[in-house]
């Protein structure tokens, strides 16, 4: 089983956390999408050219972070059960996963993109994006009021999606203003799977700053 990914891609980080939670063995294949040669080779192999991408033992290609995680959760009985067996909890897990991807991760990406445009920065749009994320953070804080993890007492697919967002959003938002979210974030940082991914992210960021790795 091979995972094609980039360590600074949030959706790649989401899958990595799931793989580590499942204690699944895989071959890491880092794709430098900002490098023309690396991108060209990957596009020949997989024309859509998007990461993460999982190749299973049979050679089947599985795209999209949430689909990959569902696949490995069914494939491996070891480690954490990421899609709960209870039907209602499973539905809520998938719902929270979609909300995080669409209303947090994608909005955060646009906020980061806008802030990189120093000369053409759209302050009005930035304020709107910040307001949208703040509303979602308040929503998360409410969700976590009576729950250890986002969808109950056990870590799920939804938490795999949320951890990378919180890692990047902490540069822009103050979690200590939200008691439940702050507690959640502190316990998330103690999770072994998260720590493994964070270590790889920090190493990759260091290589970017040193000029040894292109920015994705």
C-alpha atoms as a PDB file:
ATOM      1  CA  UNK A   1       0.000   0.000   0.000  1.00  0.00           C
ATOM      2  CA  UNK A   2       1.417   3.392  -1.048  1.00  0.00           C
ATOM      3  CA  UNK A   3       0.368   6.909  -0.066  1.00  0.00           C
ATOM      4  CA  UNK A   4       1.146   9.730  -2.480  1.00  0.00           C
ATOM      5  CA  UNK A   5       1.053  12.969  -0.521  1.00  0.00           C
ATOM      6  CA  UNK A   6       2.776  16.183   0.501  1.00  0.00           C
ATOM      7  CA  UNK A   7       3.530  16.765   4.214  1.00  0.00           C
ATOM      8  CA  UNK A   8       2.339  20.388   4.058  1.00  0.00           C
ATOM      9  CA  UNK A   9      -1.021  19.463   2.536  1.00  0.00           C
ATOM     10  CA  UNK A  10      -3.773  19.509   5.180  1.00  0.00           C
ATOM     11  CA  UNK A  11      -5.716  16.772   3.409  1.00  0.00           C
ATOM     12  CA  UNK A  12      -2.558  14.668   3.315  1.00  0.00           C
ATOM     13  CA  UNK A  13      -2.059  15.278   7.039  1.00  0.00           C
ATOM     14  CA  UNK A  14      -5.636  14.173   7.655  1.00  0.00           C
ATOM     15  CA  UNK A  15      -4.924  10.811   5.988  1.00  0.00           C
ATOM     16  CA  UNK A  16      -1.561  10.422   7.723  1.00  0.00           C
ATOM     17  CA  UNK A  17      -3.197  10.849  11.137  1.00  0.00           C
ATOM     18  CA  UNK A  18      -5.734   8.167  10.208  1.00  0.00           C
ATOM     19  CA  UNK A  19      -3.037   5.763   9.000  1.00  0.00           C
ATOM     20  CA  UNK A  20      -1.066   6.192  12.220  1.00  0.00           C
ATOM     21  CA  UNK A  21      -4.238   5.767  14.296  1.00  0.00           C
ATOM     22  CA  UNK A  22      -4.946   2.524  12.427  1.00  0.00           C
ATOM     23  CA  UNK A  23      -1.321   1.391  12.905  1.00  0.00           C
ATOM     24  CA  UNK A  24      -1.311   0.640   9.171  1.00  0.00           C
ATOM     25  CA  UNK A  25       1.880  -0.058   7.244  1.00  0.00           C
ATOM     26  CA  UNK A  26       2.332   1.952   4.049  1.00  0.00           C
ATOM     27  CA  UNK A  27       5.025   3.268   1.727  1.00  0.00           C
ATOM     28  CA  UNK A  28       5.211   7.089   1.799  1.00  0.00           C
ATOM     29  CA  UNK A  29       5.577   8.720  -1.631  1.00  0.00           C
ATOM     30  CA  UNK A  30       6.104  12.465  -1.235  1.00  0.00           C
ATOM     31  CA  UNK A  31       4.989  14.397  -4.316  1.00  0.00           C
ATOM     32  CA  UNK A  32       6.471  17.855  -4.839  1.00  0.00           C
ATOM     33  CA  UNK A  33       3.590  19.407  -6.786  1.00  0.00           C
ATOM     34  CA  UNK A  34       5.411  22.740  -7.150  1.00  0.00           C
ATOM     35  CA  UNK A  35       8.323  20.978  -8.880  1.00  0.00           C
ATOM     36  CA  UNK A  36       7.567  20.672 -12.659  1.00  0.00           C
ATOM     37  CA  UNK A  37       9.311  17.319 -13.084  1.00  0.00           C
ATOM     38  CA  UNK A  38       7.723  15.765  -9.989  1.00  0.00           C
ATOM     39  CA  UNK A  39       4.292  17.092 -11.020  1.00  0.00           C
ATOM     40  CA  UNK A  40       4.660  15.817 -14.589  1.00  0.00           C
ATOM     41  CA  UNK A  41       5.616  12.330 -13.425  1.00  0.00           C
ATOM     42  CA  UNK A  42       2.715  12.233 -10.985  1.00  0.00           C
ATOM     43  CA  UNK A  43       0.263  13.474 -13.638  1.00  0.00           C
ATOM     44  CA  UNK A  44       1.325  10.678 -15.970  1.00  0.00           C
ATOM     45  CA  UNK A  45       0.649   8.209 -13.182  1.00  0.00           C
ATOM     46  CA  UNK A  46      -2.562   9.910 -12.003  1.00  0.00           C
ATOM     47  CA  UNK A  47      -3.937  12.523 -14.487  1.00  0.00           C
ATOM     48  CA  UNK A  48      -6.035  14.528 -11.958  1.00  0.00           C
ATOM     49  CA  UNK A  49      -2.725  15.225 -10.175  1.00  0.00           C
ATOM     50  CA  UNK A  50      -4.236  15.687  -6.707  1.00  0.00           C
ATOM     51  CA  UNK A  51      -2.920  14.461  -3.372  1.00  0.00           C
ATOM     52  CA  UNK A  52      -3.489  12.539  -1.213  1.00  0.00           C
ATOM     53  CA  UNK A  53      -3.841   9.371  -3.263  1.00  0.00           C
ATOM     54  CA  UNK A  54      -3.736   5.808  -1.964  1.00  0.00           C
ATOM     55  CA  UNK A  55      -2.642   2.831  -4.058  1.00  0.00           C
ATOM     56  CA  UNK A  56      -3.676  -0.468  -2.489  1.00  0.00           C
ATOM     57  CA  UNK A  57      -2.002  -3.854  -2.851  1.00  0.00           C
ATOM     58  CA  UNK A  58      -4.153  -4.709  -5.848  1.00  0.00           C
ATOM     59  CA  UNK A  59      -3.074  -1.514  -7.619  1.00  0.00           C
ATOM     60  CA  UNK A  60      -6.399   0.286  -7.214  1.00  0.00           C
ATOM     61  CA  UNK A  61      -6.064   4.061  -6.883  1.00  0.00           C
ATOM     62  CA  UNK A  62      -8.181   5.649  -4.145  1.00  0.00           C
ATOM     63  CA  UNK A  63      -8.408   9.491  -4.116  1.00  0.00           C
ATOM     64  CA  UNK A  64     -10.004  11.975  -1.685  1.00  0.00           C
ATOM     65  CA  UNK A  65      -9.010  12.056   1.974  1.00  0.00           C
ATOM     66  CA  UNK A  66     -12.375  11.022   3.448  1.00  0.00           C
ATOM     67  CA  UNK A  67     -12.746   8.098   1.021  1.00  0.00           C
ATOM     68  CA  UNK A  68      -9.184   6.960   1.742  1.00  0.00           C
ATOM     69  CA  UNK A  69      -9.874   6.980   5.472  1.00  0.00           C
ATOM     70  CA  UNK A  70     -13.117   5.019   5.063  1.00  0.00           C
ATOM     71  CA  UNK A  71     -11.183   2.473   2.992  1.00  0.00           C
ATOM     72  CA  UNK A  72      -8.376   1.970   5.497  1.00  0.00           C
ATOM     73  CA  UNK A  73     -10.847   1.863   8.391  1.00  0.00           C
ATOM     74  CA  UNK A  74     -12.601  -1.064   6.716  1.00  0.00           C
ATOM     75  CA  UNK A  75      -9.337  -2.663   5.560  1.00  0.00           C
ATOM     76  CA  UNK A  76      -7.554  -2.660   8.924  1.00  0.00           C
ATOM     77  CA  UNK A  77      -9.047  -3.984  12.143  1.00  0.00           C
ATOM     78  CA  UNK A  78      -6.093  -2.688  14.188  1.00  0.00           C
ATOM     79  CA  UNK A  79      -5.914   0.608  16.032  1.00  0.00           C
ATOM     80  CA  UNK A  80      -8.682   3.179  16.314  1.00  0.00           C
ATOM     81  CA  UNK A  81     -12.120   2.610  14.779  1.00  0.00           C
ATOM     82  CA  UNK A  82     -12.518   5.827  12.768  1.00  0.00           C
ATOM     83  CA  UNK A  83     -16.073   5.298  11.495  1.00  0.00           C
ATOM     84  CA  UNK A  84     -18.246   4.354  14.495  1.00  0.00           C
ATOM     85  CA  UNK A  85     -20.390   1.243  14.223  1.00  0.00           C
ATOM     86  CA  UNK A  86     -23.457   3.038  15.588  1.00  0.00           C
ATOM     87  CA  UNK A  87     -25.347   4.291  12.531  1.00  0.00           C
ATOM     88  CA  UNK A  88     -26.365   7.672  13.964  1.00  0.00           C
ATOM     89  CA  UNK A  89     -22.883   8.409  15.292  1.00  0.00           C
ATOM     90  CA  UNK A  90     -21.395   7.340  11.949  1.00  0.00           C
ATOM     91  CA  UNK A  91     -23.703   9.761  10.109  1.00  0.00           C
ATOM     92  CA  UNK A  92     -22.724  12.583  12.459  1.00  0.00           C
ATOM     93  CA  UNK A  93     -19.043  11.702  11.988  1.00  0.00           C
ATOM     94  CA  UNK A  94     -19.361  11.985   8.226  1.00  0.00           C
ATOM     95  CA  UNK A  95     -21.332  15.223   8.605  1.00  0.00           C
ATOM     96  CA  UNK A  96     -18.707  16.833  10.856  1.00  0.00           C
ATOM     97  CA  UNK A  97     -15.977  15.692   8.452  1.00  0.00           C
ATOM     98  CA  UNK A  98     -17.692  17.432   5.527  1.00  0.00           C
ATOM     99  CA  UNK A  99     -18.332  20.580   7.560  1.00  0.00           C
ATOM    100  CA  UNK A 100     -14.681  20.745   8.614  1.00  0.00           C
ATOM    101  CA  UNK A 101     -13.404  20.297   5.065  1.00  0.00           C
ATOM    102  CA  UNK A 102     -15.835  22.769   3.488  1.00  0.00           C
ATOM    103  CA  UNK A 103     -16.397  25.377   6.205  1.00  0.00           C
ATOM    104  CA  UNK A 104     -13.017  25.335   7.939  1.00  0.00           C
ATOM    105  CA  UNK A 105     -10.182  23.879   5.865  1.00  0.00           C
ATOM    106  CA  UNK A 106     -11.188  25.404   2.520  1.00  0.00           C
ATOM    107  CA  UNK A 107     -12.027  28.779   4.068  1.00  0.00           C
ATOM    108  CA  UNK A 108      -8.726  28.740   5.967  1.00  0.00           C
ATOM    109  CA  UNK A 109      -6.891  28.004   2.707  1.00  0.00           C
ATOM    110  CA  UNK A 110      -8.456  31.068   1.089  1.00  0.00           C
ATOM    111  CA  UNK A 111      -7.566  33.186   4.131  1.00  0.00           C
ATOM    112  CA  UNK A 112      -3.946  32.040   3.929  1.00  0.00           C
ATOM    113  CA  UNK A 113      -3.891  32.728   0.183  1.00  0.00           C
ATOM    114  CA  UNK A 114      -5.236  36.238   0.643  1.00  0.00           C
ATOM    115  CA  UNK A 115      -2.707  37.074   3.347  1.00  0.00           C
ATOM    116  CA  UNK A 116       0.152  36.057   1.037  1.00  0.00           C
ATOM    117  CA  UNK A 117      -0.910  38.713  -1.483  1.00  0.00           C
ATOM    118  CA  UNK A 118       0.737  41.616   0.308  1.00  0.00           C
ATOM    119  CA  UNK A 119       0.325  44.156  -2.503  1.00  0.00           C
ATOM    120  CA  UNK A 120      -3.203  43.155  -3.549  1.00  0.00           C
ATOM    121  CA  UNK A 121      -4.558  42.141  -0.168  1.00  0.00           C
ATOM    122  CA  UNK A 122      -8.354  42.345   0.006  1.00  0.00           C
ATOM    123  CA  UNK A 123      -8.948  43.469   3.587  1.00  0.00           C
ATOM    124  CA  UNK A 124     -12.729  43.247   3.283  1.00  0.00           C
ATOM    125  CA  UNK A 125     -12.547  39.642   2.078  1.00  0.00           C
ATOM    126  CA  UNK A 126     -10.000  38.766   4.766  1.00  0.00           C
ATOM    127  CA  UNK A 127     -12.318  40.136   7.451  1.00  0.00           C
ATOM    128  CA  UNK A 128     -15.230  38.118   6.064  1.00  0.00           C
ATOM    129  CA  UNK A 129     -13.141  34.929   5.968  1.00  0.00           C
ATOM    130  CA  UNK A 130     -11.979  35.522   9.544  1.00  0.00           C
ATOM    131  CA  UNK A 131     -15.583  36.037  10.645  1.00  0.00           C
ATOM    132  CA  UNK A 132     -16.654  32.817   8.921  1.00  0.00           C
ATOM    133  CA  UNK A 133     -13.902  30.828  10.654  1.00  0.00           C
ATOM    134  CA  UNK A 134     -14.678  32.438  14.015  1.00  0.00           C
ATOM    135  CA  UNK A 135     -18.313  31.346  13.661  1.00  0.00           C
ATOM    136  CA  UNK A 136     -17.182  27.810  12.913  1.00  0.00           C
ATOM    137  CA  UNK A 137     -14.795  27.790  15.867  1.00  0.00           C
ATOM    138  CA  UNK A 138     -17.697  28.837  18.108  1.00  0.00           C
ATOM    139  CA  UNK A 139     -19.725  25.998  16.614  1.00  0.00           C
ATOM    140  CA  UNK A 140     -16.923  23.533  17.419  1.00  0.00           C
ATOM    141  CA  UNK A 141     -16.679  24.864  20.961  1.00  0.00           C
ATOM    142  CA  UNK A 142     -20.409  24.191  21.444  1.00  0.00           C
ATOM    143  CA  UNK A 143     -20.097  20.698  19.943  1.00  0.00           C
ATOM    144  CA  UNK A 144     -17.304  19.864  22.378  1.00  0.00           C
ATOM    145  CA  UNK A 145     -19.166  21.047  25.482  1.00  0.00           C
ATOM    146  CA  UNK A 146     -20.247  17.538  26.525  1.00  0.00           C
ATOM    147  CA  UNK A 147     -17.958  15.370  24.400  1.00  0.00           C
ATOM    148  CA  UNK A 148     -14.347  14.247  24.816  1.00  0.00           C
ATOM    149  CA  UNK A 149     -13.737  14.134  21.069  1.00  0.00           C
ATOM    150  CA  UNK A 150     -15.768  15.804  18.348  1.00  0.00           C
ATOM    151  CA  UNK A 151     -18.270  12.965  17.856  1.00  0.00           C
ATOM    152  CA  UNK A 152     -18.218  11.307  21.253  1.00  0.00           C
ATOM    153  CA  UNK A 153     -15.806   9.529  23.569  1.00  0.00           C
ATOM    154  CA  UNK A 154     -13.648   8.054  20.778  1.00  0.00           C
ATOM    155  CA  UNK A 155     -11.509   9.705  18.109  1.00  0.00           C
ATOM    156  CA  UNK A 156     -13.029   9.473  14.620  1.00  0.00           C
ATOM    157  CA  UNK A 157     -12.627  10.538  11.000  1.00  0.00           C
ATOM    158  CA  UNK A 158     -13.886  13.993  12.011  1.00  0.00           C
ATOM    159  CA  UNK A 159     -10.995  14.494  14.442  1.00  0.00           C
ATOM    160  CA  UNK A 160      -8.501  13.422  11.765  1.00  0.00           C
ATOM    161  CA  UNK A 161      -9.919  16.240   9.625  1.00  0.00           C
ATOM    162  CA  UNK A 162      -9.943  18.799  12.431  1.00  0.00           C
ATOM    163  CA  UNK A 163      -6.426  18.408  13.862  1.00  0.00           C
ATOM    164  CA  UNK A 164      -4.565  19.805  10.796  1.00  0.00           C
ATOM    165  CA  UNK A 165      -6.966  22.772  10.583  1.00  0.00           C
ATOM    166  CA  UNK A 166      -6.409  23.663  14.220  1.00  0.00           C
ATOM    167  CA  UNK A 167      -2.643  23.419  13.766  1.00  0.00           C
ATOM    168  CA  UNK A 168      -2.683  26.091  11.040  1.00  0.00           C
ATOM    169  CA  UNK A 169      -5.531  28.223  12.397  1.00  0.00           C
ATOM    170  CA  UNK A 170      -3.735  28.754  15.725  1.00  0.00           C
ATOM    171  CA  UNK A 171      -1.595  31.351  13.918  1.00  0.00           C
ATOM    172  CA  UNK A 172      -4.693  33.478  13.344  1.00  0.00           C
ATOM    173  CA  UNK A 173      -7.112  32.663  16.190  1.00  0.00           C
ATOM    174  CA  UNK A 174      -6.887  32.491  19.991  1.00  0.00           C
ATOM    175  CA  UNK A 175      -8.149  29.136  21.258  1.00  0.00           C
ATOM    176  CA  UNK A 176      -7.857  30.096  24.929  1.00  0.00           C
ATOM    177  CA  UNK A 177     -10.984  32.199  24.439  1.00  0.00           C
ATOM    178  CA  UNK A 178     -12.929  28.948  23.903  1.00  0.00           C
ATOM    179  CA  UNK A 179     -12.738  26.656  26.930  1.00  0.00           C
ATOM    180  CA  UNK A 180     -13.973  23.466  25.269  1.00  0.00           C
ATOM    181  CA  UNK A 181     -11.949  23.880  22.081  1.00  0.00           C
ATOM    182  CA  UNK A 182      -8.823  24.781  24.029  1.00  0.00           C
ATOM    183  CA  UNK A 183      -9.181  21.638  26.170  1.00  0.00           C
ATOM    184  CA  UNK A 184      -9.717  19.590  23.021  1.00  0.00           C
ATOM    185  CA  UNK A 185      -6.655  21.078  21.311  1.00  0.00           C
ATOM    186  CA  UNK A 186      -4.440  20.375  24.318  1.00  0.00           C
ATOM    187  CA  UNK A 187      -5.487  16.709  24.364  1.00  0.00           C
ATOM    188  CA  UNK A 188      -5.138  16.461  20.575  1.00  0.00           C
ATOM    189  CA  UNK A 189      -1.498  17.550  20.803  1.00  0.00           C
ATOM    190  CA  UNK A 190      -0.815  14.642  23.160  1.00  0.00           C
ATOM    191  CA  UNK A 191      -2.089  12.090  20.647  1.00  0.00           C
ATOM    192  CA  UNK A 192       0.736   9.971  19.230  1.00  0.00           C
ATOM    193  CA  UNK A 193      -0.609  10.025  15.658  1.00  0.00           C
ATOM    194  CA  UNK A 194      -0.848  13.821  15.722  1.00  0.00           C
ATOM    195  CA  UNK A 195       2.683  14.147  17.111  1.00  0.00           C
ATOM    196  CA  UNK A 196       4.083  11.994  14.293  1.00  0.00           C
ATOM    197  CA  UNK A 197       2.422  14.164  11.666  1.00  0.00           C
ATOM    198  CA  UNK A 198       3.400  17.416  13.389  1.00  0.00           C
ATOM    199  CA  UNK A 199       7.028  16.294  13.424  1.00  0.00           C
ATOM    200  CA  UNK A 200       6.953  15.677   9.670  1.00  0.00           C
ATOM    201  CA  UNK A 201       5.212  19.011   9.063  1.00  0.00           C
ATOM    202  CA  UNK A 202       7.797  20.941  11.078  1.00  0.00           C
ATOM    203  CA  UNK A 203      10.623  19.183   9.243  1.00  0.00           C
ATOM    204  CA  UNK A 204       9.055  20.008   5.868  1.00  0.00           C
ATOM    205  CA  UNK A 205       8.519  23.652   6.866  1.00  0.00           C
ATOM    206  CA  UNK A 206      12.178  23.846   7.879  1.00  0.00           C
ATOM    207  CA  UNK A 207      13.235  22.492   4.504  1.00  0.00           C
ATOM    208  CA  UNK A 208      11.092  25.083   2.732  1.00  0.00           C
ATOM    209  CA  UNK A 209      12.716  27.906   4.714  1.00  0.00           C
ATOM    210  CA  UNK A 210      16.149  26.460   3.995  1.00  0.00           C
ATOM    211  CA  UNK A 211      15.355  26.257   0.283  1.00  0.00           C
ATOM    212  CA  UNK A 212      15.740  22.479   0.137  1.00  0.00           C
ATOM    213  CA  UNK A 213      12.027  21.832  -0.501  1.00  0.00           C
ATOM    214  CA  UNK A 214       9.722  23.901  -2.718  1.00  0.00           C
ATOM    215  CA  UNK A 215       6.528  25.349  -1.288  1.00  0.00           C
ATOM    216  CA  UNK A 216       3.519  23.196  -2.332  1.00  0.00           C
END
